[in-house]
Amino acid sequence: MDIINQLSFGIELMLVGMGTVFVFLVLLVFSILGMTKVISKVSKDVSLPGGSHAEIDTGKNNELSKELITVISSAVYHYHHKSP
């Protein structure tokens, strides 16, 4: 009878652990969805991941933004094409 008690305790512990992880993951998903809605209301234009770009009007000099985009693009290009 001792092995049956240990087996039932193990199954109970497994179910409690899996339930805890499930609840945590559900809370994580809903918190991410909530943050996404808040950010999309705050920002001016946000494209989806994989989209071409996201335009946010910061009111700064447009020439600086073009230069920054050029520098970042160059850095990404060099990072992806460097030899191992």
C-alpha atoms as a PDB file:
ATOM      1  CA  MET A   1       0.000   0.000   0.000  1.00  0.00           C
ATOM      2  CA  ASP A   2       2.927   2.333   0.520  1.00  0.00           C
ATOM      3  CA  ILE A   3       3.826   2.362  -3.168  1.00  0.00           C
ATOM      4  CA  ILE A   4       0.234   3.275  -4.104  1.00  0.00           C
ATOM      5  CA  ASN A   5       0.282   6.232  -1.691  1.00  0.00           C
ATOM      6  CA  GLN A   6       3.596   7.429  -3.095  1.00  0.00           C
ATOM      7  CA  LEU A   7       2.326   7.075  -6.648  1.00  0.00           C
ATOM      8  CA  SER A   8      -0.849   9.019  -5.900  1.00  0.00           C
ATOM      9  CA  PHE A   9       1.177  11.719  -4.131  1.00  0.00           C
ATOM     10  CA  GLY A  10       3.489  11.954  -7.160  1.00  0.00           C
ATOM     11  CA  ILE A  11       0.560  12.307  -9.546  1.00  0.00           C
ATOM     12  CA  GLU A  12      -1.033  14.927  -7.317  1.00  0.00           C
ATOM     13  CA  LEU A  13       2.227  16.872  -7.157  1.00  0.00           C
ATOM     14  CA  MET A  14       2.584  16.645 -10.942  1.00  0.00           C
ATOM     15  CA  LEU A  15      -0.936  17.994 -11.488  1.00  0.00           C
ATOM     16  CA  VAL A  16      -0.412  20.864  -9.051  1.00  0.00           C
ATOM     17  CA  GLY A  17       2.871  21.775 -10.751  1.00  0.00           C
ATOM     18  CA  MET A  18       1.386  21.633 -14.235  1.00  0.00           C
ATOM     19  CA  GLY A  19      -1.595  23.684 -13.104  1.00  0.00           C
ATOM     20  CA  THR A  20       0.686  26.310 -11.605  1.00  0.00           C
ATOM     21  CA  VAL A  21       2.702  26.572 -14.811  1.00  0.00           C
ATOM     22  CA  PHE A  22      -0.489  26.777 -16.900  1.00  0.00           C
ATOM     23  CA  VAL A  23      -1.897  29.598 -14.749  1.00  0.00           C
ATOM     24  CA  PHE A  24       1.414  31.465 -14.920  1.00  0.00           C
ATOM     25  CA  LEU A  25       1.544  31.162 -18.716  1.00  0.00           C
ATOM     26  CA  VAL A  26      -2.068  32.332 -19.094  1.00  0.00           C
ATOM     27  CA  LEU A  27      -1.308  35.377 -16.927  1.00  0.00           C
ATOM     28  CA  LEU A  28       1.813  36.050 -18.994  1.00  0.00           C
ATOM     29  CA  VAL A  29      -0.120  35.929 -22.272  1.00  0.00           C
ATOM     30  CA  PHE A  30      -2.824  38.286 -21.009  1.00  0.00           C
ATOM     31  CA  SER A  31      -0.268  40.709 -19.577  1.00  0.00           C
ATOM     32  CA  ILE A  32       1.585  40.799 -22.914  1.00  0.00           C
ATOM     33  CA  LEU A  33      -1.685  41.410 -24.765  1.00  0.00           C
ATOM     34  CA  GLY A  34      -2.534  44.208 -22.334  1.00  0.00           C
ATOM     35  CA  MET A  35       0.857  45.847 -22.753  1.00  0.00           C
ATOM     36  CA  THR A  36       0.519  45.600 -26.533  1.00  0.00           C
ATOM     37  CA  LYS A  37      -2.816  47.418 -26.427  1.00  0.00           C
ATOM     38  CA  VAL A  38      -1.408  50.144 -24.177  1.00  0.00           C
ATOM     39  CA  ILE A  39       1.654  50.652 -26.365  1.00  0.00           C
ATOM     40  CA  SER A  40      -0.416  50.754 -29.543  1.00  0.00           C
ATOM     41  CA  LYS A  41      -2.620  53.469 -28.039  1.00  0.00           C
ATOM     42  CA  VAL A  42       0.377  55.503 -26.889  1.00  0.00           C
ATOM     43  CA  SER A  43       2.477  55.344 -30.048  1.00  0.00           C
ATOM     44  CA  LYS A  44       1.473  56.963 -33.311  1.00  0.00           C
ATOM     45  CA  ASP A  45       2.114  54.122 -35.790  1.00  0.00           C
ATOM     46  CA  VAL A  46       3.333  50.659 -34.895  1.00  0.00           C
ATOM     47  CA  SER A  47       3.687  47.992 -37.538  1.00  0.00           C
ATOM     48  CA  LEU A  48       3.453  44.289 -36.837  1.00  0.00           C
ATOM     49  CA  PRO A  49       6.612  42.223 -36.331  1.00  0.00           C
ATOM     50  CA  GLY A  50       7.934  41.412 -39.766  1.00  0.00           C
ATOM     51  CA  GLY A  51       6.444  44.629 -41.133  1.00  0.00           C
ATOM     52  CA  SER A  52       8.554  47.018 -43.104  1.00  0.00           C
ATOM     53  CA  HIS A  53       8.923  49.773 -40.517  1.00  0.00           C
ATOM     54  CA  ALA A  54       7.386  51.665 -37.637  1.00  0.00           C
ATOM     55  CA  GLU A  55       7.025  55.428 -37.957  1.00  0.00           C
ATOM     56  CA  ILE A  56       6.922  57.426 -34.779  1.00  0.00           C
ATOM     57  CA  ASP A  57       7.040  61.205 -35.092  1.00  0.00           C
ATOM     58  CA  THR A  58       9.566  62.428 -32.567  1.00  0.00           C
ATOM     59  CA  GLY A  59       9.687  65.989 -33.872  1.00  0.00           C
ATOM     60  CA  LYS A  60      13.488  65.850 -34.319  1.00  0.00           C
ATOM     61  CA  ASN A  61      15.518  66.728 -37.368  1.00  0.00           C
ATOM     62  CA  ASN A  62      14.612  64.443 -40.298  1.00  0.00           C
ATOM     63  CA  GLU A  63      18.191  64.491 -41.618  1.00  0.00           C
ATOM     64  CA  LEU A  64      19.472  63.042 -38.345  1.00  0.00           C
ATOM     65  CA  SER A  65      16.926  60.265 -38.607  1.00  0.00           C
ATOM     66  CA  LYS A  66      18.057  59.410 -42.149  1.00  0.00           C
ATOM     67  CA  GLU A  67      21.686  59.364 -41.023  1.00  0.00           C
ATOM     68  CA  LEU A  68      20.829  57.153 -38.051  1.00  0.00           C
ATOM     69  CA  ILE A  69      18.910  54.733 -40.282  1.00  0.00           C
ATOM     70  CA  THR A  70      21.905  54.579 -42.643  1.00  0.00           C
ATOM     71  CA  VAL A  71      24.317  53.835 -39.803  1.00  0.00           C
ATOM     72  CA  ILE A  72      22.087  51.163 -38.277  1.00  0.00           C
ATOM     73  CA  SER A  73      21.478  49.555 -41.673  1.00  0.00           C
ATOM     74  CA  SER A  74      25.200  49.453 -42.347  1.00  0.00           C
ATOM     75  CA  ALA A  75      25.895  47.907 -38.951  1.00  0.00           C
ATOM     76  CA  VAL A  76      23.263  45.212 -39.488  1.00  0.00           C
ATOM     77  CA  TYR A  77      24.624  44.473 -42.972  1.00  0.00           C
ATOM     78  CA  HIS A  78      28.175  44.083 -41.656  1.00  0.00           C
ATOM     79  CA  TYR A  79      27.007  41.953 -38.766  1.00  0.00           C
ATOM     80  CA  HIS A  80      25.170  39.518 -41.041  1.00  0.00           C
ATOM     81  CA  HIS A  81      28.015  39.328 -43.586  1.00  0.00           C
ATOM     82  CA  LYS A  82      30.992  38.958 -41.280  1.00  0.00           C
ATOM     83  CA  SER A  83      33.008  35.774 -41.715  1.00  0.00           C
ATOM     84  CA  PRO A  84      32.924  33.278 -38.815  1.00  0.00           C
END
